[in-house]
Structure formats: C-alpha cells, structure tokens
C-alpha cells in the first residue's frame, strides 16, 4: 500500500525526480489514495510532474478534471494521448481532435470511448477506418444505438490473414538496410535472429564461424541456410553449414555432383563429417593430403547384425551390409570411409600402417585385400577371422603366412588358405 504522505515540493529543481514520479504514479493508481493527495498531485503537475509516465497516469485517472485533461492534450507523447482517448472525462473537443490522431491505437481508444460525441463517431465511420478502429466502433454502445444502417456502413469484419514465417521474416528484413542487420541479429525472435545471420553472412557482414555459432544454438538457422544454398549456392553459406555440422545436407550436395572449391572440400574433411567424407572418398579425386585426413574419419551407420564383409555389385564400395536380415536394409548398413582409404591406390604407406590397427574389423579386412605386404604378418594374426580370411585370399601373401593360416582355428580361414596354396601349385 503506497504511503499517503504529502509530496515534497522543496528544492530548486522544477522537474520531478524518478523516485517522486514513481510515487506519484503509484498514488494515482491506488483506489485508497485520499482525494486531497490526488488534488495535491494535480496541483503540482504544472510545476513539477512533467514526466510522460506521470502525465499518462494523470490523463487516465477518473478524477482528473477537464481543465487538466485539456492541458494534457497538448502532449506529444503517445501514451498520454492514448490515456486521454480512453478517459470518459476527456472534453468532447479534445476527443474530436484525437479522433484524427496519427496513431491507430489512439483513434481506436476514441472509437471505443462511450463519451465520444455521435458526430465524431459518424465521421470516423466514413473515414475508412482500419480494422482495429472498426472493431472499436462496433463495440461503442452510442453507435450501436443508431441502428443497423450505421453499422452496415463500416467495413465488413475480415479474419486477418496469418502471415507465414517466411513472409514475416522478409517483411522485417525489408525494412532494414543491409548495414542495419546488427540489431536484428540480437532480435528476441529466433526466426528473425536466424534470418538476419543468414543475410549477414551472405553480405559478408559476419563470418561463417559467427553464423555457424548462431546455427548451433538456433534451430531456425539451418533450414534458412539450406534454402539460401539452394537459391544461390553461395560458398559462405555452405561453409557455415559445414561448421555447424550439417553432415547429411553437405553429403547430399556432394552426391548431386555440385562442383566444389578445393578449399570447401578440405573444410569438410577437416570437420570430419562422417557421411560427407564418405561421399568425398567414394566420388571425388583424392590426393595424399586428403587421404591422410580421411583416414581419421569415423564410420557412420549401424554396425549391428553384420556377420560378414559382403561387397554386392549393387552396393558402393565401403559399405558393409548384413545379408539376409529381416530388418530394413538401411538399418544395417555401415559406411566406412576408412575402407575407401585402405583400398585407394594413392594412400601413403604411413597411413596404411596406421590402418593396420583400425578399430573396425572391416577396415582391417579391406586393408588385407590390397597388395600391401608390410602389414600382412600382423593382419594374418588378427583376432577377427574375417581379417585373416582376407589375408589368405590376398595374392601377395607370402607362402609361410599361407602355411600358417592353413592351420588356423577357423574352418573357413583354413579352407581359404589351402585353396590359395593349391592355386599357386603348392601342396601342403
């Protein structure tokens, strides 16, 4: 409950302090404030309470007299004029002036005010009012008393068309010059904020790294980035998508055969996007530098229910498929970029040496299928039978290793080794 102590009029400063203004507003808004205190505030108004918030509180108060309200009507502050437009005690001549106010909210306040003179209301009816003012006029009881003929002169109520998010974003951005996007990048609306970042990165106002930071925190940004790429294939947009880890989309760009700058290809590989890197390794020319980086890229997909390496003719190289599974095929496919690196003829020897200890048995098995002698001895003693079998089938496997594998604990490995020995014309 605000205090009803008298306001302090002392001091040489004729302008109210913030504390005094707040206290005056509290007193004006409290129903229990004595009338003498309200009178004191109104009396002090002309000399001290010239702050807009205090003026608006005075203009809205039911006990403010018409001389004071008429004095307040000269204010240029919209909150003050709006309070006057809604106050039933506002003089009719003031309401007539406010009926033509530039602010739609003020005109709507006059239209809804039951004290607004009928001639003023009728003039507003004929002045092609906006939807908000029309709605207020329809609610005015004085105008309703004039009958249907008057109300029928008002525009028919229309359900406002809901703007799509894209329309809203384009409308907001259209109202700002390119150099004014900084404020929109801090907008409280996630979509506006995302759109401003995308526009800014296209214009070069921010870096792809800055835009990617927004995309990581704002799920509205990536769809806008994808649309922007489709519209213009801007390299900065794709770099942003790479930095924001949009792996599947970047992979689709490579699958479509879109020509990419070597710098972008290197960015994809350095970002280690598993799916996109697999597409690069499977479709694009590779040099030793790219192969070195690709050798560190993890596989993607699900490696469950896979029992053997099965490179079907219909499957791209580097894909391990579980044959005969009753589950959907795409749920049991693993894409190994490292398999492609292991099979690539330009892969440097030091990279091949590292792949000998690759985590995936299928990568090690692929490595054993190529004419690579240095690591065959270790691969021949691999714990996985599928790797040892690949060594047994390898044309470059030395005879001593084949002899060792012919006594392997796995029947299929033994059979593969014996078959290789026979092909070479040897006899166990």
Protein backbone atom coordinates (compact mmCIF):
# COMPACT_ATOMS: atom_id res chain seq x y z
CA UNK A 1 0.00 0.00 0.00
CA UNK A 2 1.60 3.30 -1.01
CA UNK A 3 2.16 5.94 1.63
CA UNK A 4 -0.21 8.92 1.65
CA UNK A 5 2.39 11.36 2.97
CA UNK A 6 2.46 14.66 1.20
CA UNK A 7 4.82 15.01 -1.72
CA UNK A 8 7.96 17.05 -1.16
CA UNK A 9 7.81 20.31 -3.10
CA UNK A 10 11.13 21.61 -1.80
CA UNK A 11 14.18 22.07 -3.93
CA UNK A 12 15.14 24.35 -6.74
CA UNK A 13 14.76 21.70 -9.47
CA UNK A 14 11.32 22.08 -11.05
CA UNK A 15 11.45 18.63 -12.61
CA UNK A 16 10.28 15.58 -10.64
CA UNK A 17 12.88 13.04 -9.60
CA UNK A 18 12.44 9.45 -10.70
CA UNK A 19 11.51 8.41 -7.15
CA UNK A 20 8.90 11.16 -6.84
CA UNK A 21 7.48 10.33 -10.27
CA UNK A 22 7.15 6.64 -9.37
CA UNK A 23 5.46 7.53 -6.11
CA UNK A 24 3.05 9.85 -7.88
CA UNK A 25 2.14 7.09 -10.36
CA UNK A 26 1.60 4.62 -7.50
CA UNK A 27 -0.67 7.09 -5.70
CA UNK A 28 -2.64 7.79 -8.87
CA UNK A 29 -3.17 4.08 -9.44
CA UNK A 30 -4.26 3.27 -5.87
CA UNK A 31 -8.01 3.34 -5.18
CA UNK A 32 -7.40 4.12 -1.49
CA UNK A 33 -5.45 7.31 -2.17
CA UNK A 34 -7.27 10.19 -0.42
CA UNK A 35 -8.79 12.84 -2.67
CA UNK A 36 -6.65 15.55 -1.06
CA UNK A 37 -3.48 13.68 -2.09
CA UNK A 38 -4.76 13.36 -5.65
CA UNK A 39 -5.57 17.05 -5.66
CA UNK A 40 -2.05 17.78 -4.46
CA UNK A 41 -0.57 15.74 -7.30
CA UNK A 42 -2.75 17.51 -9.84
CA UNK A 43 -1.86 20.89 -8.36
CA UNK A 44 1.82 20.06 -8.57
CA UNK A 45 1.55 18.84 -12.13
CA UNK A 46 2.16 22.08 -14.00
CA UNK A 47 5.22 22.96 -11.95
CA UNK A 48 6.95 19.64 -11.37
CA UNK A 49 5.36 16.49 -12.79
CA UNK A 50 6.22 16.88 -16.45
CA UNK A 51 7.46 13.32 -16.98
CA UNK A 52 5.48 11.36 -19.64
CA UNK A 53 4.66 8.46 -17.28
CA UNK A 54 3.19 10.84 -14.71
CA UNK A 55 1.29 12.70 -17.41
CA UNK A 56 -0.17 9.42 -18.71
CA UNK A 57 -1.24 8.41 -15.19
CA UNK A 58 -2.93 11.78 -14.70
CA UNK A 59 -4.60 11.56 -18.12
CA UNK A 60 -6.01 8.14 -17.25
CA UNK A 61 -7.24 8.98 -13.75
CA UNK A 62 -11.01 9.14 -13.37
CA UNK A 63 -10.88 12.14 -11.02
CA UNK A 64 -8.77 14.34 -13.31
CA UNK A 65 -10.79 17.43 -14.24
CA UNK A 66 -11.37 18.69 -17.76
CA UNK A 67 -9.02 21.70 -17.46
CA UNK A 68 -6.17 19.38 -16.56
CA UNK A 69 -7.11 16.91 -19.30
CA UNK A 70 -7.32 19.69 -21.87
CA UNK A 71 -3.88 20.87 -20.77
CA UNK A 72 -2.51 17.34 -21.17
CA UNK A 73 -3.92 17.10 -24.72
CA UNK A 74 -1.04 19.20 -25.97
CA UNK A 75 1.40 16.39 -25.13
CA UNK A 76 3.32 14.81 -27.99
CA UNK A 77 3.70 11.56 -26.06
CA UNK A 78 1.53 8.74 -27.45
CA UNK A 79 0.87 7.10 -24.02
CA UNK A 80 -0.58 10.39 -22.79
CA UNK A 81 -2.84 10.81 -25.84
CA UNK A 82 -3.93 7.18 -25.59
CA UNK A 83 -4.90 7.65 -21.93
CA UNK A 84 -6.89 10.76 -22.86
CA UNK A 85 -8.65 8.91 -25.70
CA UNK A 86 -9.84 6.24 -23.24
CA UNK A 87 -10.81 8.56 -20.37
CA UNK A 88 -14.57 9.21 -20.18
CA UNK A 89 -13.93 12.65 -18.65
CA UNK A 90 -11.90 13.92 -21.61
CA UNK A 91 -13.59 17.00 -23.14
CA UNK A 92 -15.53 16.35 -26.35
CA UNK A 93 -13.48 18.83 -28.36
CA UNK A 94 -10.29 17.01 -27.30
CA UNK A 95 -11.79 13.66 -28.34
CA UNK A 96 -12.70 15.19 -31.71
CA UNK A 97 -9.06 16.13 -32.25
CA UNK A 98 -7.78 12.75 -31.09
CA UNK A 99 -10.17 11.01 -33.50
CA UNK A 100 -7.81 12.02 -36.30
CA UNK A 101 -4.62 11.17 -34.42
CA UNK A 102 -1.78 9.61 -36.42
CA UNK A 103 -1.57 6.66 -34.01
CA UNK A 104 -4.09 3.89 -34.72
CA UNK A 105 -4.24 2.95 -31.03
CA UNK A 106 -5.31 6.48 -30.09
CA UNK A 107 -8.04 6.54 -32.77
CA UNK A 108 -9.26 3.14 -31.57
CA UNK A 109 -9.40 4.50 -28.00
CA UNK A 110 -11.63 7.37 -29.14
CA UNK A 111 -13.80 4.98 -31.16
CA UNK A 112 -14.43 2.79 -28.09
CA UNK A 113 -14.98 5.68 -25.65
CA UNK A 114 -18.70 5.95 -24.76
CA UNK A 115 -18.23 9.70 -24.18
CA UNK A 116 -17.18 10.36 -27.77
CA UNK A 117 -19.85 12.58 -29.42
CA UNK A 118 -22.01 10.88 -32.03
CA UNK A 119 -20.98 13.27 -34.85
CA UNK A 120 -17.34 12.37 -34.18
CA UNK A 121 -18.15 8.65 -34.29
CA UNK A 122 -20.09 9.04 -37.55
CA UNK A 123 -17.18 10.93 -39.07
CA UNK A 124 -14.88 8.10 -38.08
CA UNK A 125 -17.26 5.60 -39.72
CA UNK A 126 -17.00 7.48 -43.01
CA UNK A 127 -13.22 7.90 -42.79
CA UNK A 128 -12.34 4.36 -44.00
CA UNK A 129 -11.17 3.18 -40.59
CA UNK A 130 -8.59 0.46 -40.11
CA UNK A 131 -9.61 -2.97 -38.86
CA UNK A 132 -8.67 -2.11 -35.27
CA UNK A 133 -10.63 1.15 -35.30
CA UNK A 134 -13.58 -0.58 -36.99
CA UNK A 135 -13.66 -3.19 -34.25
CA UNK A 136 -13.68 -0.46 -31.59
CA UNK A 137 -16.52 1.41 -33.36
CA UNK A 138 -18.64 -1.73 -33.47
CA UNK A 139 -18.28 -2.06 -29.67
CA UNK A 140 -19.34 1.54 -28.97
CA UNK A 141 -22.84 1.48 -27.44
CA UNK A 142 -23.62 5.00 -28.59
CA UNK A 143 -23.01 3.97 -32.18
CA UNK A 144 -24.92 0.72 -31.69
CA UNK A 145 -27.93 2.77 -30.63
CA UNK A 146 -28.04 4.38 -34.06
CA UNK A 147 -29.17 1.11 -35.57
CA UNK A 148 -28.07 -1.31 -38.22
CA UNK A 149 -27.90 1.25 -41.03
CA UNK A 150 -24.93 3.00 -39.44
CA UNK A 151 -23.07 -0.18 -38.53
CA UNK A 152 -23.53 -1.51 -42.05
CA UNK A 153 -21.51 1.43 -43.33
CA UNK A 154 -18.48 0.02 -41.56
CA UNK A 155 -16.18 -2.35 -43.48
CA UNK A 156 -17.20 -5.97 -43.05
CA UNK A 157 -15.06 -7.70 -40.41
CA UNK A 158 -12.41 -9.85 -42.02
CA UNK A 159 -10.38 -12.56 -40.45
CA UNK A 160 -6.78 -11.38 -40.65
CA UNK A 161 -4.61 -13.47 -42.91
CA UNK A 162 -1.97 -15.23 -40.92
CA UNK A 163 1.46 -14.46 -42.27
CA UNK A 164 3.80 -17.30 -42.89
CA UNK A 165 7.11 -17.24 -41.06
CA UNK A 166 8.87 -16.51 -44.36
CA UNK A 167 6.56 -13.56 -45.11
CA UNK A 168 7.12 -12.18 -41.62
CA UNK A 169 10.88 -12.52 -41.90
CA UNK A 170 11.00 -10.94 -45.36
CA UNK A 171 8.82 -8.06 -44.17
CA UNK A 172 11.09 -7.37 -41.20
CA UNK A 173 14.29 -7.61 -43.22
CA UNK A 174 12.84 -5.46 -46.00
CA UNK A 175 12.50 -2.60 -43.53
CA UNK A 176 16.21 -2.57 -42.73
CA UNK A 177 19.13 -1.58 -44.87
CA UNK A 178 21.91 -4.11 -45.16
CA UNK A 179 24.10 -2.20 -42.75
CA UNK A 180 21.42 -2.25 -40.05
CA UNK A 181 21.26 -6.02 -39.64
CA UNK A 182 23.32 -5.99 -36.44
CA UNK A 183 20.27 -5.09 -34.35
CA UNK A 184 18.20 -7.86 -35.94
CA UNK A 185 20.91 -10.40 -35.15
CA UNK A 186 20.06 -9.72 -31.49
CA UNK A 187 16.28 -9.82 -32.05
CA UNK A 188 14.34 -11.77 -29.37
CA UNK A 189 12.56 -13.74 -32.12
CA UNK A 190 14.52 -16.88 -33.06
CA UNK A 191 13.45 -16.81 -36.72
CA UNK A 192 14.26 -13.13 -37.21
CA UNK A 193 17.60 -13.62 -35.47
CA UNK A 194 18.43 -16.60 -37.68
CA UNK A 195 17.36 -14.84 -40.89
CA UNK A 196 19.47 -11.80 -40.03
CA UNK A 197 22.52 -14.01 -39.50
CA UNK A 198 21.99 -15.78 -42.82
CA UNK A 199 21.55 -12.48 -44.69
CA UNK A 200 24.60 -11.07 -42.92
CA UNK A 201 26.88 -13.97 -43.85
CA UNK A 202 25.79 -13.71 -47.50
CA UNK A 203 26.60 -10.00 -47.47
CA UNK A 204 29.93 -10.59 -45.72
CA UNK A 205 28.95 -8.61 -42.62
CA UNK A 206 29.77 -11.60 -40.40
CA UNK A 207 32.00 -14.64 -40.86
CA UNK A 208 30.75 -18.20 -41.46
CA UNK A 209 32.09 -19.03 -37.99
CA UNK A 210 29.82 -16.39 -36.42
CA UNK A 211 26.82 -17.59 -38.40
CA UNK A 212 27.58 -21.22 -37.50
CA UNK A 213 27.60 -20.27 -33.82
CA UNK A 214 24.05 -18.97 -34.28
CA UNK A 215 23.05 -22.13 -36.16
CA UNK A 216 24.29 -24.35 -33.36
CA UNK A 217 22.12 -22.53 -30.81
CA UNK A 218 19.15 -21.64 -33.03
CA UNK A 219 17.36 -24.47 -34.82
CA UNK A 220 15.71 -21.97 -37.18
CA UNK A 221 19.02 -21.13 -38.85
CA UNK A 222 19.88 -24.39 -40.62
CA UNK A 223 16.65 -24.58 -42.70
CA UNK A 224 17.21 -20.98 -43.81
CA UNK A 225 20.83 -21.75 -44.67
CA UNK A 226 19.77 -24.75 -46.76
CA UNK A 227 17.21 -22.63 -48.63
CA UNK A 228 19.82 -19.93 -49.20
CA UNK A 229 22.25 -22.50 -50.63
CA UNK A 230 19.58 -23.83 -52.99
CA UNK A 231 18.85 -20.28 -54.15
CA UNK A 232 22.41 -19.22 -54.91
CA UNK A 233 25.00 -21.87 -53.96
CA UNK A 234 26.99 -19.29 -52.03
CA UNK A 235 30.27 -20.76 -50.77
CA UNK A 236 29.98 -18.85 -47.48
CA UNK A 237 26.63 -20.46 -46.84
CA UNK A 238 27.99 -23.97 -47.44
CA UNK A 239 30.99 -23.24 -45.23
CA UNK A 240 28.55 -22.19 -42.49
CA UNK A 241 26.66 -25.47 -42.91
CA UNK A 242 29.95 -27.38 -42.69
CA UNK A 243 30.96 -25.58 -39.50
CA UNK A 244 27.50 -26.15 -37.99
CA UNK A 245 27.89 -29.92 -38.61
CA UNK A 246 25.06 -30.27 -41.16
CA UNK A 247 26.53 -33.58 -42.26
CA UNK A 248 23.62 -35.10 -44.21
CA UNK A 249 22.94 -31.91 -46.19
CA UNK A 250 26.59 -31.42 -47.11
CA UNK A 251 26.72 -35.08 -48.19
CA UNK A 252 23.68 -34.53 -50.43
CA UNK A 253 25.43 -31.59 -52.09
CA UNK A 254 28.37 -33.87 -52.96
CA UNK A 255 26.06 -36.67 -54.17
CA UNK A 256 24.35 -34.23 -56.54
CA UNK A 257 27.70 -33.63 -58.25
CA UNK A 258 27.86 -29.93 -57.37
CA UNK A 259 31.34 -28.64 -58.23
CA UNK A 260 33.07 -27.58 -55.02
CA UNK A 261 36.13 -25.46 -54.47
CA UNK A 262 39.08 -27.47 -53.09
CA UNK A 263 39.07 -25.22 -50.03
CA UNK A 264 35.49 -26.31 -49.24
CA UNK A 265 36.37 -29.98 -49.76
CA UNK A 266 39.26 -29.60 -47.36
CA UNK A 267 36.94 -27.88 -44.86
CA UNK A 268 34.54 -30.83 -45.00
CA UNK A 269 37.34 -33.32 -44.41
CA UNK A 270 38.87 -31.26 -41.60
CA UNK A 271 35.43 -31.03 -39.95
CA UNK A 272 35.30 -34.86 -40.06
CA UNK A 273 31.68 -35.04 -41.16
CA UNK A 274 31.30 -38.83 -41.49
CA UNK A 275 28.65 -39.02 -44.22
CA UNK A 276 30.02 -36.14 -46.28
CA UNK A 277 33.56 -37.52 -46.01
CA UNK A 278 32.39 -40.92 -47.18
CA UNK A 279 30.84 -39.27 -50.26
CA UNK A 280 34.11 -37.43 -50.93
CA UNK A 281 36.15 -40.61 -50.60
CA UNK A 282 33.73 -42.54 -52.83
CA UNK A 283 33.22 -39.93 -55.57
CA UNK A 284 35.99 -37.33 -55.78
CA UNK A 285 39.66 -37.46 -56.78
CA UNK A 286 41.87 -37.73 -53.71
CA UNK A 287 45.45 -36.70 -53.07
CA UNK A 288 47.75 -37.84 -50.30
CA UNK A 289 46.81 -34.91 -48.04
CA UNK A 290 43.09 -35.65 -48.20
CA UNK A 291 43.70 -39.37 -47.74
CA UNK A 292 45.68 -38.70 -44.57
CA UNK A 293 42.78 -36.71 -43.09
CA UNK A 294 40.12 -39.12 -44.32
CA UNK A 295 41.90 -41.99 -42.56
CA UNK A 296 40.89 -40.39 -39.24
CA UNK A 297 37.19 -40.01 -40.11
CA UNK A 298 34.87 -42.38 -38.20
CA UNK A 299 32.33 -44.61 -39.91
CA UNK A 300 28.62 -43.81 -39.78
CA UNK A 301 25.56 -46.01 -39.71
CA UNK A 302 24.65 -49.03 -37.61
CA UNK A 303 27.06 -51.93 -37.33
CA UNK A 304 24.59 -54.40 -35.81
CA UNK A 305 23.76 -57.86 -37.14
CA UNK A 306 26.66 -57.69 -39.60
CA UNK A 307 28.25 -61.11 -39.88
CA UNK A 308 30.48 -60.88 -42.94
CA UNK A 309 32.01 -58.49 -45.42
CA UNK A 310 29.79 -58.59 -48.49
CA UNK A 311 30.53 -56.11 -51.27
CA UNK A 312 27.49 -56.62 -53.54
CA UNK A 313 27.67 -55.26 -57.08
CA UNK A 314 24.71 -53.02 -56.28
CA UNK A 315 26.39 -51.52 -53.23
CA UNK A 316 29.01 -48.77 -53.38
CA UNK A 317 32.49 -49.63 -52.16
CA UNK A 318 32.99 -49.06 -48.46
CA UNK A 319 29.52 -50.19 -47.41
CA UNK A 320 29.15 -53.22 -45.17
CA UNK A 321 25.73 -54.86 -45.44
CA UNK A 322 24.19 -57.60 -43.35
CA UNK A 323 22.80 -60.17 -45.80
CA UNK A 324 19.56 -61.98 -45.12
CA UNK A 325 18.46 -59.78 -42.23
CA UNK A 326 14.67 -59.49 -41.72
CA UNK A 327 15.10 -55.83 -40.76
CA UNK A 328 15.10 -52.87 -43.17
CA UNK A 329 18.34 -52.79 -45.11
CA UNK A 330 19.13 -49.17 -44.29
CA UNK A 331 19.10 -50.04 -40.58
CA UNK A 332 22.03 -52.43 -41.06
CA UNK A 333 24.41 -50.52 -43.30
CA UNK A 334 27.68 -49.08 -42.14
CA UNK A 335 29.63 -46.66 -44.32
CA UNK A 336 33.37 -46.90 -43.68
CA UNK A 337 35.39 -44.03 -45.10
CA UNK A 338 38.49 -45.80 -43.82
CA UNK A 339 37.71 -48.78 -46.11
CA UNK A 340 37.88 -46.45 -49.10
CA UNK A 341 41.17 -45.07 -47.84
CA UNK A 342 42.53 -48.58 -47.28
CA UNK A 343 41.67 -49.57 -50.86
CA UNK A 344 42.80 -46.34 -52.54
CA UNK A 345 45.94 -46.81 -54.65
CA UNK A 346 47.35 -43.39 -53.66
CA UNK A 347 47.12 -43.89 -49.89
CA UNK A 348 50.59 -43.26 -48.38
CA UNK A 349 52.32 -46.18 -46.64
CA UNK A 350 52.37 -44.45 -43.25
CA UNK A 351 48.57 -44.14 -43.41
CA UNK A 352 48.26 -47.83 -44.29
CA UNK A 353 50.48 -48.64 -41.31
CA UNK A 354 48.06 -46.81 -39.03
CA UNK A 355 45.04 -48.61 -40.50
CA UNK A 356 46.51 -51.98 -39.52
CA UNK A 357 45.23 -51.17 -36.01
CA UNK A 358 41.92 -49.64 -37.15
CA UNK A 359 39.06 -50.23 -34.76
CA UNK A 360 36.77 -51.76 -37.38
CA UNK A 361 37.50 -55.32 -38.50
CA UNK A 362 36.07 -54.45 -41.91
CA UNK A 363 38.67 -51.72 -42.40
CA UNK A 364 41.44 -54.15 -41.48
CA UNK A 365 39.93 -56.76 -43.82
CA UNK A 366 39.84 -54.25 -46.69
CA UNK A 367 43.47 -53.38 -45.99
CA UNK A 368 44.35 -57.09 -46.23
CA UNK A 369 42.77 -57.27 -49.69
CA UNK A 370 45.22 -54.86 -51.30
CA UNK A 371 48.80 -55.67 -52.37
CA UNK A 372 50.27 -54.34 -49.14
CA UNK A 373 52.97 -56.58 -47.76
CA UNK A 374 54.26 -54.56 -44.80
CA UNK A 375 51.30 -55.22 -42.52
CA UNK A 376 50.18 -58.65 -43.73
CA UNK A 377 52.00 -60.54 -40.98
CA UNK A 378 50.17 -58.63 -38.29
CA UNK A 379 46.86 -58.89 -40.14
CA UNK A 380 47.39 -62.66 -40.53
CA UNK A 381 47.30 -62.90 -36.74
CA UNK A 382 44.31 -60.58 -36.31
CA UNK A 383 41.75 -61.74 -33.73
CA UNK A 384 38.92 -61.49 -36.30
CA UNK A 385 38.51 -64.39 -38.73
CA UNK A 386 37.20 -62.10 -41.46
CA UNK A 387 40.56 -60.27 -41.48
CA UNK A 388 42.62 -63.44 -41.54
CA UNK A 389 40.47 -64.77 -44.39
CA UNK A 390 41.19 -61.63 -46.42
CA UNK A 391 44.91 -62.23 -45.88
CA UNK A 392 44.51 -65.84 -47.08
CA UNK A 393 42.84 -64.61 -50.27
CA UNK A 394 45.48 -61.97 -50.93
CA UNK A 395 47.70 -62.77 -53.92
CA UNK A 396 50.68 -61.07 -52.30
CA UNK A 397 50.54 -63.09 -49.06
CA UNK A 398 53.89 -64.88 -48.60
CA UNK A 399 53.79 -68.69 -48.62
CA UNK A 400 54.94 -69.01 -44.97
CA UNK A 401 51.90 -66.96 -43.88
CA UNK A 402 49.60 -69.10 -46.02
CA UNK A 403 51.04 -72.22 -44.43
CA UNK A 404 50.37 -70.70 -41.00
CA UNK A 405 46.80 -69.81 -41.97
CA UNK A 406 46.15 -73.31 -43.32
CA UNK A 407 46.27 -74.45 -39.69
CA UNK A 408 44.00 -71.60 -38.47
CA UNK A 409 41.40 -72.33 -35.83
CA UNK A 410 38.60 -71.12 -38.14
CA UNK A 411 37.48 -73.63 -40.76
CA UNK A 412 36.74 -71.01 -43.41
CA UNK A 413 40.15 -69.37 -42.98
CA UNK A 414 41.85 -72.79 -43.27
CA UNK A 415 39.87 -73.55 -46.44
CA UNK A 416 40.78 -70.17 -47.99
CA UNK A 417 44.47 -70.68 -47.21
CA UNK A 418 44.51 -74.22 -48.63
CA UNK A 419 42.74 -73.01 -51.76
CA UNK A 420 45.37 -70.29 -52.21
CA UNK A 421 48.19 -72.79 -51.79
CA UNK A 422 46.64 -75.07 -54.41
CA UNK A 423 46.23 -72.17 -56.84
CA UNK A 424 49.93 -71.48 -56.54
CA UNK A 425 50.66 -75.09 -57.35
CA UNK A 426 51.86 -75.94 -53.88
CA UNK A 427 50.98 -78.94 -51.75
CA UNK A 428 50.59 -78.93 -48.05
